[in-house]
């Protein structure tokens, strides 16, 4: 059964803003950021329970080449992954959870 991935609206906004920022810094860098996020979303979709708990029921995956983590929850019953944030690691950590 395919797992549904749903973004919190602010997580989607964080992703778009970060993509634009990196693309403005260096053309193509935003695309590298996007590919790394997509790669990690695939990893999460394939094995959502293989990543450690961060806080309560939230799990996180760190990106390799960018200072971001993807924070998510997995609902086994609904076969759904809820992306709470794509969080820059230098920002207030309490903002990761929604």
PDB file of N, CA and C in Angstrom:
ATOM      1  N   UNK A   1       0.841  -1.173   0.000  1.00  0.00           N
ATOM      2  CA  UNK A   1       0.000   0.000   0.000  1.00  0.00           C
ATOM      3  C   UNK A   1       0.895   1.248   0.000  1.00  0.00           C
ATOM      4  N   UNK A   2       0.587   2.184  -0.874  1.00  0.00           N
ATOM      5  CA  UNK A   2       1.358   3.419  -0.976  1.00  0.00           C
ATOM      6  C   UNK A   2       1.072   4.320   0.213  1.00  0.00           C
ATOM      7  N   UNK A   3       2.126   4.974   0.696  1.00  0.00           N
ATOM      8  CA  UNK A   3       1.994   5.873   1.835  1.00  0.00           C
ATOM      9  C   UNK A   3       1.757   7.290   1.321  1.00  0.00           C
ATOM     10  N   UNK A   4       0.750   7.936   1.858  1.00  0.00           N
ATOM     11  CA  UNK A   4       0.407   9.303   1.502  1.00  0.00           C
ATOM     12  C   UNK A   4       1.311  10.267   2.279  1.00  0.00           C
ATOM     13  N   UNK A   5       1.878  11.251   1.592  1.00  0.00           N
ATOM     14  CA  UNK A   5       2.718  12.264   2.230  1.00  0.00           C
ATOM     15  C   UNK A   5       1.980  13.595   2.158  1.00  0.00           C
ATOM     16  N   UNK A   6       1.770  14.193   3.329  1.00  0.00           N
ATOM     17  CA  UNK A   6       1.055  15.472   3.417  1.00  0.00           C
ATOM     18  C   UNK A   6       1.958  16.490   4.116  1.00  0.00           C
ATOM     19  N   UNK A   7       2.064  17.680   3.521  1.00  0.00           N
ATOM     20  CA  UNK A   7       2.857  18.766   4.091  1.00  0.00           C
ATOM     21  C   UNK A   7       1.969  19.712   4.879  1.00  0.00           C
ATOM     22  N   UNK A   8       2.432  20.110   6.042  1.00  0.00           N
ATOM     23  CA  UNK A   8       1.808  21.232   6.732  1.00  0.00           C
ATOM     24  C   UNK A   8       2.046  22.446   5.841  1.00  0.00           C
ATOM     25  N   UNK A   9       1.081  23.357   5.710  1.00  0.00           N
ATOM     26  CA  UNK A   9       1.271  24.529   4.829  1.00  0.00           C
ATOM     27  C   UNK A   9       2.543  25.322   5.132  1.00  0.00           C
ATOM     28  N   UNK A  10       2.909  25.450   6.405  1.00  0.00           N
ATOM     29  CA  UNK A  10       4.126  26.182   6.740  1.00  0.00           C
ATOM     30  C   UNK A  10       5.384  25.408   6.357  1.00  0.00           C
ATOM     31  N   UNK A  11       5.320  24.091   6.378  1.00  0.00           N
ATOM     32  CA  UNK A  11       6.459  23.282   5.926  1.00  0.00           C
ATOM     33  C   UNK A  11       6.666  23.475   4.431  1.00  0.00           C
ATOM     34  N   UNK A  12       5.578  23.515   3.701  1.00  0.00           N
ATOM     35  CA  UNK A  12       5.665  23.754   2.258  1.00  0.00           C
ATOM     36  C   UNK A  12       6.232  25.148   1.982  1.00  0.00           C
ATOM     37  N   UNK A  13       5.806  26.125   2.770  1.00  0.00           N
ATOM     38  CA  UNK A  13       6.315  27.493   2.615  1.00  0.00           C
ATOM     39  C   UNK A  13       7.809  27.566   2.944  1.00  0.00           C
ATOM     40  N   UNK A  14       8.224  26.870   4.015  1.00  0.00           N
ATOM     41  CA  UNK A  14       9.647  26.821   4.374  1.00  0.00           C
ATOM     42  C   UNK A  14      10.468  26.254   3.220  1.00  0.00           C
ATOM     43  N   UNK A  15       9.953  25.199   2.628  1.00  0.00           N
ATOM     44  CA  UNK A  15      10.649  24.563   1.515  1.00  0.00           C
ATOM     45  C   UNK A  15      10.782  25.527   0.338  1.00  0.00           C
ATOM     46  N   UNK A  16       9.682  26.167  -0.056  1.00  0.00           N
ATOM     47  CA  UNK A  16       9.717  27.098  -1.195  1.00  0.00           C
ATOM     48  C   UNK A  16      10.643  28.280  -0.936  1.00  0.00           C
ATOM     49  N   UNK A  17      10.570  28.849   0.272  1.00  0.00           N
ATOM     50  CA  UNK A  17      11.427  29.987   0.608  1.00  0.00           C
ATOM     51  C   UNK A  17      12.901  29.605   0.606  1.00  0.00           C
ATOM     52  N   UNK A  18      13.212  28.442   1.124  1.00  0.00           N
ATOM     53  CA  UNK A  18      14.599  27.980   1.151  1.00  0.00           C
ATOM     54  C   UNK A  18      15.106  27.705  -0.261  1.00  0.00           C
ATOM     55  N   UNK A  19      14.257  27.100  -1.074  1.00  0.00           N
ATOM     56  CA  UNK A  19      14.622  26.864  -2.476  1.00  0.00           C
ATOM     57  C   UNK A  19      14.962  28.181  -3.153  1.00  0.00           C
ATOM     58  N   UNK A  20      14.107  29.180  -3.002  1.00  0.00           N
ATOM     59  CA  UNK A  20      14.335  30.495  -3.638  1.00  0.00           C
ATOM     60  C   UNK A  20      15.609  31.155  -3.114  1.00  0.00           C
ATOM     61  N   UNK A  21      15.819  31.066  -1.808  1.00  0.00           N
ATOM     62  CA  UNK A  21      17.017  31.657  -1.214  1.00  0.00           C
ATOM     63  C   UNK A  21      18.277  31.051  -1.833  1.00  0.00           C
ATOM     64  N   UNK A  22      18.338  29.731  -1.856  1.00  0.00           N
ATOM     65  CA  UNK A  22      19.532  29.069  -2.401  1.00  0.00           C
ATOM     66  C   UNK A  22      19.703  29.364  -3.891  1.00  0.00           C
ATOM     67  N   UNK A  23      18.613  29.418  -4.608  1.00  0.00           N
ATOM     68  CA  UNK A  23      18.691  29.690  -6.045  1.00  0.00           C
ATOM     69  C   UNK A  23      19.197  31.113  -6.295  1.00  0.00           C
ATOM     70  N   UNK A  24      18.839  32.055  -5.423  1.00  0.00           N
ATOM     71  CA  UNK A  24      19.330  33.427  -5.551  1.00  0.00           C
ATOM     72  C   UNK A  24      20.811  33.525  -5.216  1.00  0.00           C
ATOM     73  N   UNK A  25      21.255  32.687  -4.271  1.00  0.00           N
ATOM     74  CA  UNK A  25      22.667  32.716  -3.893  1.00  0.00           C
ATOM     75  C   UNK A  25      23.561  32.212  -5.021  1.00  0.00           C
ATOM     76  N   UNK A  26      23.104  31.147  -5.664  1.00  0.00           N
ATOM     77  CA  UNK A  26      23.874  30.534  -6.748  1.00  0.00           C
ATOM     78  C   UNK A  26      22.913  29.742  -7.626  1.00  0.00           C
ATOM     79  N   UNK A  27      22.769  30.131  -8.884  1.00  0.00           N
ATOM     80  CA  UNK A  27      21.863  29.387  -9.769  1.00  0.00           C
ATOM     81  C   UNK A  27      22.217  27.892  -9.776  1.00  0.00           C
ATOM     82  N   UNK A  28      21.202  27.078  -9.565  1.00  0.00           N
ATOM     83  CA  UNK A  28      21.380  25.627  -9.506  1.00  0.00           C
ATOM     84  C   UNK A  28      21.454  25.094  -8.085  1.00  0.00           C
ATOM     85  N   UNK A  29      21.819  25.955  -7.127  1.00  0.00           N
ATOM     86  CA  UNK A  29      21.916  25.502  -5.733  1.00  0.00           C
ATOM     87  C   UNK A  29      20.536  25.174  -5.175  1.00  0.00           C
ATOM     88  N   UNK A  30      19.540  25.949  -5.553  1.00  0.00           N
ATOM     89  CA  UNK A  30      18.170  25.659  -5.125  1.00  0.00           C
ATOM     90  C   UNK A  30      17.714  24.303  -5.641  1.00  0.00           C
ATOM     91  N   UNK A  31      18.109  23.969  -6.871  1.00  0.00           N
ATOM     92  CA  UNK A  31      17.754  22.653  -7.430  1.00  0.00           C
ATOM     93  C   UNK A  31      18.445  21.533  -6.676  1.00  0.00           C
ATOM     94  N   UNK A  32      19.687  21.754  -6.266  1.00  0.00           N
ATOM     95  CA  UNK A  32      20.387  20.739  -5.452  1.00  0.00           C
ATOM     96  C   UNK A  32      19.670  20.541  -4.121  1.00  0.00           C
ATOM     97  N   UNK A  33      19.243  21.649  -3.515  1.00  0.00           N
ATOM     98  CA  UNK A  33      18.486  21.576  -2.259  1.00  0.00           C
ATOM     99  C   UNK A  33      17.191  20.784  -2.474  1.00  0.00           C
ATOM    100  N   UNK A  34      16.473  21.114  -3.545  1.00  0.00           N
ATOM    101  CA  UNK A  34      15.216  20.431  -3.853  1.00  0.00           C
ATOM    102  C   UNK A  34      15.435  18.929  -4.049  1.00  0.00           C
ATOM    103  N   UNK A  35      16.468  18.561  -4.780  1.00  0.00           N
ATOM    104  CA  UNK A  35      16.752  17.137  -5.018  1.00  0.00           C
ATOM    105  C   UNK A  35      17.080  16.415  -3.718  1.00  0.00           C
ATOM    106  N   UNK A  36      17.825  17.081  -2.841  1.00  0.00           N
ATOM    107  CA  UNK A  36      18.166  16.433  -1.574  1.00  0.00           C
ATOM    108  C   UNK A  36      16.935  16.249  -0.694  1.00  0.00           C
ATOM    109  N   UNK A  37      16.046  17.239  -0.686  1.00  0.00           N
ATOM    110  CA  UNK A  37      14.797  17.097   0.074  1.00  0.00           C
ATOM    111  C   UNK A  37      13.976  15.951  -0.512  1.00  0.00           C
ATOM    112  N   UNK A  38      13.830  15.920  -1.837  1.00  0.00           N
ATOM    113  CA  UNK A  38      13.051  14.854  -2.482  1.00  0.00           C
ATOM    114  C   UNK A  38      13.647  13.477  -2.208  1.00  0.00           C
ATOM    115  N   UNK A  39      14.963  13.372  -2.258  1.00  0.00           N
ATOM    116  CA  UNK A  39      15.630  12.095  -1.966  1.00  0.00           C
ATOM    117  C   UNK A  39      15.284  11.627  -0.551  1.00  0.00           C
ATOM    118  N   UNK A  40      15.342  12.549   0.404  1.00  0.00           N
ATOM    119  CA  UNK A  40      15.045  12.173   1.789  1.00  0.00           C
ATOM    120  C   UNK A  40      13.573  11.896   2.011  1.00  0.00           C
ATOM    121  N   UNK A  41      12.701  12.572   1.279  1.00  0.00           N
ATOM    122  CA  UNK A  41      11.269  12.252   1.363  1.00  0.00           C
ATOM    123  C   UNK A  41      11.013  10.841   0.843  1.00  0.00           C
ATOM    124  N   UNK A  42      11.734  10.442  -0.196  1.00  0.00           N
ATOM    125  CA  UNK A  42      11.619   9.059  -0.693  1.00  0.00           C
ATOM    126  C   UNK A  42      12.073   8.069   0.364  1.00  0.00           C
ATOM    127  N   UNK A  43      13.200   8.371   1.012  1.00  0.00           N
ATOM    128  CA  UNK A  43      13.705   7.494   2.072  1.00  0.00           C
ATOM    129  C   UNK A  43      12.675   7.351   3.182  1.00  0.00           C
ATOM    130  N   UNK A  44      12.066   8.467   3.566  1.00  0.00           N
ATOM    131  CA  UNK A  44      11.045   8.447   4.622  1.00  0.00           C
ATOM    132  C   UNK A  44       9.852   7.610   4.165  1.00  0.00           C
ATOM    133  N   UNK A  45       9.426   7.791   2.918  1.00  0.00           N
ATOM    134  CA  UNK A  45       8.268   7.046   2.396  1.00  0.00           C
ATOM    135  C   UNK A  45       8.528   5.548   2.347  1.00  0.00           C
ATOM    136  N   UNK A  46       9.755   5.175   2.016  1.00  0.00           N
ATOM    137  CA  UNK A  46      10.088   3.749   1.907  1.00  0.00           C
ATOM    138  C   UNK A  46      10.154   3.069   3.270  1.00  0.00           C
ATOM    139  N   UNK A  47      10.727   3.764   4.260  1.00  0.00           N
ATOM    140  CA  UNK A  47      10.884   3.171   5.590  1.00  0.00           C
ATOM    141  C   UNK A  47      10.635   4.232   6.666  1.00  0.00           C
ATOM    142  N   UNK A  48       9.391   4.636   6.843  1.00  0.00           N
ATOM    143  CA  UNK A  48       9.098   5.747   7.763  1.00  0.00           C
ATOM    144  C   UNK A  48       9.454   5.486   9.219  1.00  0.00           C
ATOM    145  N   UNK A  49       9.520   4.227   9.615  1.00  0.00           N
ATOM    146  CA  UNK A  49       9.807   3.927  11.011  1.00  0.00           C
ATOM    147  C   UNK A  49      11.294   3.706  11.277  1.00  0.00           C
ATOM    148  N   UNK A  50      12.118   3.855  10.263  1.00  0.00           N
ATOM    149  CA  UNK A  50      13.539   3.580  10.447  1.00  0.00           C
ATOM    150  C   UNK A  50      14.328   4.772  10.984  1.00  0.00           C
ATOM    151  N   UNK A  51      13.690   5.921  11.083  1.00  0.00           N
ATOM    152  CA  UNK A  51      14.374   7.110  11.589  1.00  0.00           C
ATOM    153  C   UNK A  51      13.959   7.365  13.027  1.00  0.00           C
ATOM    154  N   UNK A  52      14.891   7.870  13.801  1.00  0.00           N
ATOM    155  CA  UNK A  52      14.683   8.008  15.227  1.00  0.00           C
ATOM    156  C   UNK A  52      13.678   9.083  15.621  1.00  0.00           C
ATOM    157  N   UNK A  53      13.120   8.879  16.804  1.00  0.00           N
ATOM    158  CA  UNK A  53      12.211   9.870  17.362  1.00  0.00           C
ATOM    159  C   UNK A  53      13.012  11.091  17.799  1.00  0.00           C
ATOM    160  N   UNK A  54      12.429  12.248  17.576  1.00  0.00           N
ATOM    161  CA  UNK A  54      13.071  13.502  17.962  1.00  0.00           C
ATOM    162  C   UNK A  54      12.387  14.092  19.185  1.00  0.00           C
ATOM    163  N   UNK A  55      11.067  14.095  19.156  1.00  0.00           N
ATOM    164  CA  UNK A  55      10.282  14.652  20.258  1.00  0.00           C
ATOM    165  C   UNK A  55       8.897  14.041  20.181  1.00  0.00           C
ATOM    166  N   UNK A  56       8.468  13.384  21.240  1.00  0.00           N
ATOM    167  CA  UNK A  56       7.151  12.745  21.235  1.00  0.00           C
ATOM    168  C   UNK A  56       7.032  11.769  20.078  1.00  0.00           C
ATOM    169  N   UNK A  57       6.049  11.982  19.215  1.00  0.00           N
ATOM    170  CA  UNK A  57       5.844  11.100  18.063  1.00  0.00           C
ATOM    171  C   UNK A  57       6.519  11.629  16.798  1.00  0.00           C
ATOM    172  N   UNK A  58       7.237  12.741  16.911  1.00  0.00           N
ATOM    173  CA  UNK A  58       7.924  13.317  15.751  1.00  0.00           C
ATOM    174  C   UNK A  58       9.260  12.619  15.514  1.00  0.00           C
ATOM    175  N   UNK A  59       9.541  12.396  14.254  1.00  0.00           N
ATOM    176  CA  UNK A  59      10.823  11.842  13.840  1.00  0.00           C
ATOM    177  C   UNK A  59      11.511  12.885  12.972  1.00  0.00           C
ATOM    178  N   UNK A  60      12.833  12.709  12.773  1.00  0.00           N
ATOM    179  CA  UNK A  60      13.505  13.662  11.896  1.00  0.00           C
ATOM    180  C   UNK A  60      14.610  12.985  11.095  1.00  0.00           C
ATOM    181  N   UNK A  61      14.871  13.607   9.945  1.00  0.00           N
ATOM    182  CA  UNK A  61      15.946  13.165   9.055  1.00  0.00           C
ATOM    183  C   UNK A  61      16.756  14.399   8.710  1.00  0.00           C
ATOM    184  N   UNK A  62      18.069  14.327   8.891  1.00  0.00           N
ATOM    185  CA  UNK A  62      18.944  15.447   8.553  1.00  0.00           C
ATOM    186  C   UNK A  62      19.373  15.346   7.092  1.00  0.00           C
ATOM    187  N   UNK A  63      19.384  16.490   6.429  1.00  0.00           N
ATOM    188  CA  UNK A  63      19.924  16.534   5.074  1.00  0.00           C
ATOM    189  C   UNK A  63      21.442  16.470   5.169  1.00  0.00           C
ATOM    190  N   UNK A  64      22.079  15.901   4.156  1.00  0.00           N
ATOM    191  CA  UNK A  64      23.531  15.745   4.182  1.00  0.00           C
ATOM    192  C   UNK A  64      24.283  17.025   3.845  1.00  0.00           C
ATOM    193  N   UNK A  65      23.799  17.787   2.886  1.00  0.00           N
ATOM    194  CA  UNK A  65      24.568  18.907   2.354  1.00  0.00           C
ATOM    195  C   UNK A  65      23.994  20.282   2.670  1.00  0.00           C
ATOM    196  N   UNK A  66      22.926  20.323   3.413  1.00  0.00           N
ATOM    197  CA  UNK A  66      22.286  21.581   3.782  1.00  0.00           C
ATOM    198  C   UNK A  66      21.925  21.507   5.265  1.00  0.00           C
ATOM    199  N   UNK A  67      21.933  22.658   5.969  1.00  0.00           N
ATOM    200  CA  UNK A  67      21.660  22.632   7.418  1.00  0.00           C
ATOM    201  C   UNK A  67      20.161  22.588   7.730  1.00  0.00           C
ATOM    202  N   UNK A  68      19.509  21.518   7.291  1.00  0.00           N
ATOM    203  CA  UNK A  68      18.070  21.356   7.471  1.00  0.00           C
ATOM    204  C   UNK A  68      17.766  19.953   7.963  1.00  0.00           C
ATOM    205  N   UNK A  69      16.640  19.843   8.659  1.00  0.00           N
ATOM    206  CA  UNK A  69      16.074  18.543   9.011  1.00  0.00           C
ATOM    207  C   UNK A  69      14.633  18.509   8.520  1.00  0.00           C
ATOM    208  N   UNK A  70      14.187  17.329   8.156  1.00  0.00           N
ATOM    209  CA  UNK A  70      12.780  17.114   7.814  1.00  0.00           C
ATOM    210  C   UNK A  70      12.147  16.470   9.039  1.00  0.00           C
ATOM    211  N   UNK A  71      11.157  17.133   9.592  1.00  0.00           N
ATOM    212  CA  UNK A  71      10.475  16.654  10.796  1.00  0.00           C
ATOM    213  C   UNK A  71       9.108  16.129  10.378  1.00  0.00           C
ATOM    214  N   UNK A  72       8.795  14.901  10.796  1.00  0.00           N
ATOM    215  CA  UNK A  72       7.546  14.276  10.359  1.00  0.00           C
ATOM    216  C   UNK A  72       6.978  13.352  11.422  1.00  0.00           C
ATOM    217  N   UNK A  73       5.714  13.012  11.214  1.00  0.00           N
ATOM    218  CA  UNK A  73       5.042  11.982  12.012  1.00  0.00           C
ATOM    219  C   UNK A  73       4.506  10.942  11.050  1.00  0.00           C
ATOM    220  N   UNK A  74       4.489   9.703  11.500  1.00  0.00           N
ATOM    221  CA  UNK A  74       3.972   8.616  10.682  1.00  0.00           C
ATOM    222  C   UNK A  74       2.760   8.011  11.368  1.00  0.00           C
ATOM    223  N   UNK A  75       1.650   7.939  10.635  1.00  0.00           N
ATOM    224  CA  UNK A  75       0.425   7.316  11.128  1.00  0.00           C
ATOM    225  C   UNK A  75       0.297   5.958  10.448  1.00  0.00           C
ATOM    226  N   UNK A  76       0.577   4.897  11.205  1.00  0.00           N
ATOM    227  CA  UNK A  76       0.526   3.536  10.658  1.00  0.00           C
ATOM    228  C   UNK A  76      -0.860   3.144  10.193  1.00  0.00           C
ATOM    229  N   UNK A  77      -1.865   3.541  10.942  1.00  0.00           N
ATOM    230  CA  UNK A  77      -3.237   3.149  10.627  1.00  0.00           C
ATOM    231  C   UNK A  77      -3.684   3.758   9.301  1.00  0.00           C
ATOM    232  N   UNK A  78      -3.403   5.040   9.110  1.00  0.00           N
ATOM    233  CA  UNK A  78      -3.824   5.734   7.892  1.00  0.00           C
ATOM    234  C   UNK A  78      -2.797   5.630   6.763  1.00  0.00           C
ATOM    235  N   UNK A  79      -1.662   5.014   7.050  1.00  0.00           N
ATOM    236  CA  UNK A  79      -0.558   4.940   6.067  1.00  0.00           C
ATOM    237  C   UNK A  79      -0.253   6.327   5.524  1.00  0.00           C
ATOM    238  N   UNK A  80       0.013   7.256   6.466  1.00  0.00           N
ATOM    239  CA  UNK A  80       0.209   8.653   6.107  1.00  0.00           C
ATOM    240  C   UNK A  80       1.443   9.207   6.809  1.00  0.00           C
ATOM    241  N   UNK A  81       2.209   9.985   6.073  1.00  0.00           N
ATOM    242  CA  UNK A  81       3.334  10.714   6.634  1.00  0.00           C
ATOM    243  C   UNK A  81       2.961  12.184   6.609  1.00  0.00           C
ATOM    244  N   UNK A  82       3.098  12.818   7.752  1.00  0.00           N
ATOM    245  CA  UNK A  82       2.747  14.224   7.903  1.00  0.00           C
ATOM    246  C   UNK A  82       4.051  14.999   8.088  1.00  0.00           C
ATOM    247  N   UNK A  83       4.422  15.814   7.102  1.00  0.00           N
ATOM    248  CA  UNK A  83       5.643  16.613   7.179  1.00  0.00           C
ATOM    249  C   UNK A  83       5.316  17.874   7.985  1.00  0.00           C
ATOM    250  N   UNK A  84       5.858  17.952   9.179  1.00  0.00           N
ATOM    251  CA  UNK A  84       5.594  19.085  10.061  1.00  0.00           C
ATOM    252  C   UNK A  84       6.441  20.288   9.679  1.00  0.00           C
ATOM    253  N   UNK A  85       7.712  20.042   9.304  1.00  0.00           N
ATOM    254  CA  UNK A  85       8.566  21.157   8.903  1.00  0.00           C
ATOM    255  C   UNK A  85       9.795  20.672   8.157  1.00  0.00           C
ATOM    256  N   UNK A  86      10.312  21.586   7.367  1.00  0.00           N
ATOM    257  CA  UNK A  86      11.642  21.442   6.777  1.00  0.00           C
ATOM    258  C   UNK A  86      12.412  22.582   7.422  1.00  0.00           C
ATOM    259  N   UNK A  87      13.105  22.227   8.488  1.00  0.00           N
ATOM    260  CA  UNK A  87      13.583  23.201   9.472  1.00  0.00           C
ATOM    261  C   UNK A  87      15.082  23.459   9.353  1.00  0.00           C
ATOM    262  N   UNK A  88      15.445  24.739   9.263  1.00  0.00           N
ATOM    263  CA  UNK A  88      16.854  25.137   9.282  1.00  0.00           C
ATOM    264  C   UNK A  88      17.376  24.919  10.693  1.00  0.00           C
ATOM    265  N   UNK A  89      18.508  24.266  10.824  1.00  0.00           N
ATOM    266  CA  UNK A  89      19.003  23.878  12.146  1.00  0.00           C
ATOM    267  C   UNK A  89      19.500  25.042  12.999  1.00  0.00           C
ATOM    268  N   UNK A  90      19.646  26.231  12.415  1.00  0.00           N
ATOM    269  CA  UNK A  90      20.078  27.399  13.190  1.00  0.00           C
ATOM    270  C   UNK A  90      18.893  28.177  13.761  1.00  0.00           C
ATOM    271  N   UNK A  91      17.689  27.776  13.411  1.00  0.00           N
ATOM    272  CA  UNK A  91      16.501  28.463  13.915  1.00  0.00           C
ATOM    273  C   UNK A  91      16.036  27.859  15.228  1.00  0.00           C
ATOM    274  N   UNK A  92      15.102  28.517  15.863  1.00  0.00           N
ATOM    275  CA  UNK A  92      14.554  28.075  17.135  1.00  0.00           C
ATOM    276  C   UNK A  92      14.020  26.645  16.996  1.00  0.00           C
ATOM    277  N   UNK A  93      14.574  25.693  17.737  1.00  0.00           N
ATOM    278  CA  UNK A  93      14.163  24.284  17.596  1.00  0.00           C
ATOM    279  C   UNK A  93      12.693  24.017  17.918  1.00  0.00           C
ATOM    280  N   UNK A  94      12.086  24.843  18.765  1.00  0.00           N
ATOM    281  CA  UNK A  94      10.686  24.594  19.107  1.00  0.00           C
ATOM    282  C   UNK A  94       9.766  24.832  17.923  1.00  0.00           C
ATOM    283  N   UNK A  95      10.247  25.537  16.889  1.00  0.00           N
ATOM    284  CA  UNK A  95       9.427  25.798  15.703  1.00  0.00           C
ATOM    285  C   UNK A  95       9.335  24.587  14.763  1.00  0.00           C
ATOM    286  N   UNK A  96      10.075  23.534  15.084  1.00  0.00           N
ATOM    287  CA  UNK A  96      10.042  22.337  14.230  1.00  0.00           C
ATOM    288  C   UNK A  96       8.729  21.581  14.315  1.00  0.00           C
ATOM    289  N   UNK A  97       8.029  21.728  15.427  1.00  0.00           N
ATOM    290  CA  UNK A  97       6.871  20.884  15.688  1.00  0.00           C
ATOM    291  C   UNK A  97       5.566  21.641  15.490  1.00  0.00           C
ATOM    292  N   UNK A  98       4.687  21.036  14.718  1.00  0.00           N
ATOM    293  CA  UNK A  98       3.374  21.646  14.480  1.00  0.00           C
ATOM    294  C   UNK A  98       2.311  20.614  14.750  1.00  0.00           C
TER     295      UNK A  98
END
